[in-house]
C-alpha atoms as a PDB file:
ATOM      1  CA  MET A   1      -8.747  47.890 -20.979  1.00  0.00           C
ATOM      2  CA  VAL A   2     -11.785  49.276 -20.175  1.00  0.00           C
ATOM      3  CA  ASP A   3     -12.777  45.282 -19.209  1.00  0.00           C
ATOM      4  CA  ILE A   4      -9.574  45.408 -16.834  1.00  0.00           C
ATOM      5  CA  PRO A   5     -10.510  49.289 -15.057  1.00  0.00           C
ATOM      6  CA  ALA A   6      -7.446  50.068 -12.488  1.00  0.00           C
ATOM      7  CA  MET A   7      -7.026  52.575 -10.219  1.00  0.00           C
ATOM      8  CA  TYR A   8      -5.853  55.328 -10.906  1.00  0.00           C
ATOM      9  CA  ASP A   9      -6.922  55.524 -14.630  1.00  0.00           C
ATOM     10  CA  THR A  10      -7.403  57.938 -16.617  1.00  0.00           C
ATOM     11  CA  TYR A  11     -10.538  57.276 -18.649  1.00  0.00           C
ATOM     12  CA  THR A  12     -11.566  60.769 -20.901  1.00  0.00           C
ATOM     13  CA  PHE A  13     -15.277  60.985 -21.527  1.00  0.00           C
ATOM     14  CA  LYS A  14     -17.560  63.384 -23.840  1.00  0.00           C
ATOM     15  CA  THR A  15     -20.612  64.938 -21.575  1.00  0.00           C
ATOM     16  CA  GLU A  16     -24.378  65.106 -22.520  1.00  0.00           C
ATOM     17  CA  ASP A  17     -22.936  68.384 -23.859  1.00  0.00           C
ATOM     18  CA  HIS A  18     -20.465  67.302 -26.761  1.00  0.00           C
ATOM     19  CA  SER A  19     -17.801  68.128 -24.075  1.00  0.00           C
ATOM     20  CA  TYR A  20     -15.092  66.206 -23.249  1.00  0.00           C
ATOM     21  CA  SER A  21     -13.835  66.324 -19.453  1.00  0.00           C
ATOM     22  CA  THR A  22     -11.996  63.429 -17.051  1.00  0.00           C
ATOM     23  CA  PHE A  23     -12.297  61.339 -14.201  1.00  0.00           C
ATOM     24  CA  LYS A  24      -9.814  58.759 -12.560  1.00  0.00           C
ATOM     25  CA  ILE A  25     -10.439  55.304 -11.182  1.00  0.00           C
ATOM     26  CA  THR A  26     -10.305  55.782  -7.123  1.00  0.00           C
ATOM     27  CA  GLU A  27     -11.566  51.750  -5.572  1.00  0.00           C
ATOM     28  CA  VAL A  28     -12.157  48.741  -8.274  1.00  0.00           C
ATOM     29  CA  PHE A  29     -14.689  46.015  -6.934  1.00  0.00           C
ATOM     30  CA  GLU A  30     -16.149  43.617  -8.769  1.00  0.00           C
ATOM     31  CA  ASP A  31     -18.662  44.543 -10.111  1.00  0.00           C
ATOM     32  CA  SER A  32     -18.313  48.896  -9.746  1.00  0.00           C
ATOM     33  CA  ILE A  33     -15.963  51.455  -9.004  1.00  0.00           C
ATOM     34  CA  TYR A  34     -15.741  54.715  -7.525  1.00  0.00           C
ATOM     35  CA  VAL A  35     -14.943  57.567 -10.076  1.00  0.00           C
ATOM     36  CA  ASP A  36     -13.049  61.032  -8.935  1.00  0.00           C
ATOM     37  CA  GLN A  37     -14.887  63.251 -11.410  1.00  0.00           C
ATOM     38  CA  ASN A  38     -13.259  66.582 -13.081  1.00  0.00           C
ATOM     39  CA  ASP A  39     -15.112  69.710 -12.431  1.00  0.00           C
ATOM     40  CA  TYR A  40     -14.239  70.799 -15.526  1.00  0.00           C
ATOM     41  CA  GLU A  41     -15.427  70.445 -18.942  1.00  0.00           C
ATOM     42  CA  ILE A  42     -13.430  71.733 -22.608  1.00  0.00           C
ATOM     43  CA  ASP A  43     -15.043  72.046 -26.241  1.00  0.00           C
ATOM     44  CA  GLU A  44     -11.621  70.625 -27.877  1.00  0.00           C
ATOM     45  CA  LEU A  45     -11.015  66.761 -27.319  1.00  0.00           C
ATOM     46  CA  SER A  46      -6.983  68.122 -28.203  1.00  0.00           C
ATOM     47  CA  GLU A  47      -6.869  69.953 -25.384  1.00  0.00           C
ATOM     48  CA  ILE A  48      -7.674  67.962 -22.319  1.00  0.00           C
ATOM     49  CA  TYR A  49      -4.279  68.512 -21.119  1.00  0.00           C
ATOM     50  CA  LYS A  50      -5.532  72.416 -20.255  1.00  0.00           C
ATOM     51  CA  ILE A  51      -7.742  70.413 -17.383  1.00  0.00           C
ATOM     52  CA  ASP A  52      -6.400  67.562 -16.591  1.00  0.00           C
ATOM     53  CA  LYS A  53      -5.366  68.695 -13.402  1.00  0.00           C
ATOM     54  CA  GLU A  54      -5.278  67.165  -9.937  1.00  0.00           C
ATOM     55  CA  GLU A  55      -6.010  70.391  -7.935  1.00  0.00           C
ATOM     56  CA  ASN A  56      -9.755  70.015 -10.244  1.00  0.00           C
ATOM     57  CA  TYR A  57     -10.528  66.290  -8.765  1.00  0.00           C
ATOM     58  CA  PRO A  58     -12.481  67.507  -5.878  1.00  0.00           C
ATOM     59  CA  GLY A  59     -12.668  64.202  -4.040  1.00  0.00           C
ATOM     60  CA  ASP A  60     -16.660  63.590  -4.707  1.00  0.00           C
ATOM     61  CA  ILE A  61     -16.914  60.153  -5.166  1.00  0.00           C
ATOM     62  CA  TYR A  62     -19.376  58.636  -7.351  1.00  0.00           C
ATOM     63  CA  VAL A  63     -20.145  55.080  -7.417  1.00  0.00           C
ATOM     64  CA  VAL A  64     -20.266  53.556 -11.623  1.00  0.00           C
ATOM     65  CA  THR A  65     -21.078  50.332 -12.353  1.00  0.00           C
ATOM     66  CA  LYS A  66     -18.841  48.402 -15.048  1.00  0.00           C
ATOM     67  CA  ALA A  67     -21.124  48.088 -17.292  1.00  0.00           C
ATOM     68  CA  GLU A  68     -21.828  51.306 -17.442  1.00  0.00           C
ATOM     69  CA  ILE A  69     -17.779  51.857 -18.582  1.00  0.00           C
ATOM     70  CA  LYS A  70     -18.613  49.626 -21.126  1.00  0.00           C
ATOM     71  CA  GLU A  71     -21.159  50.703 -22.424  1.00  0.00           C
ATOM     72  CA  MET A  72     -20.178  54.716 -22.608  1.00  0.00           C
ATOM     73  CA  PHE A  73     -16.783  52.638 -24.609  1.00  0.00           C
ATOM     74  CA  ASN A  74     -18.775  51.090 -26.794  1.00  0.00           C
ATOM     75  CA  ASP A  75     -20.547  53.452 -27.559  1.00  0.00           C
ATOM     76  CA  GLY A  76     -18.070  56.060 -28.493  1.00  0.00           C
ATOM     77  CA  ASP A  77     -18.169  57.827 -25.322  1.00  0.00           C
ATOM     78  CA  ILE A  78     -15.269  57.124 -23.891  1.00  0.00           C
ATOM     79  CA  LYS A  79     -12.201  58.958 -25.813  1.00  0.00           C
ATOM     80  CA  ASP A  80      -9.038  57.933 -23.773  1.00  0.00           C
ATOM     81  CA  ILE A  81      -8.320  55.817 -21.115  1.00  0.00           C
ATOM     82  CA  GLU A  82      -4.047  56.577 -19.087  1.00  0.00           C
ATOM     83  CA  ARG A  83      -3.159  53.766 -16.898  1.00  0.00           C
ATOM     84  CA  ASP A  84      -0.012  54.771 -14.877  1.00  0.00           C
END
């Protein structure tokens, strides 16, 4: 799925300070994606469900290249991808 991102995919990832958070894909383009990042982080990966709630996504959109997503995946920073 990391090679073919789709709108509404939810990615669980490891943050720079070794916590965990999520972002949702809002749009997909040829070489980049728009994401809405969760406002919260949590220490335990197994508890990500506690912060993965619609109200925690503020609608602040960030542009990320597909290459950056692939690098995060290859580095082990992306922990899960959920597709509806």
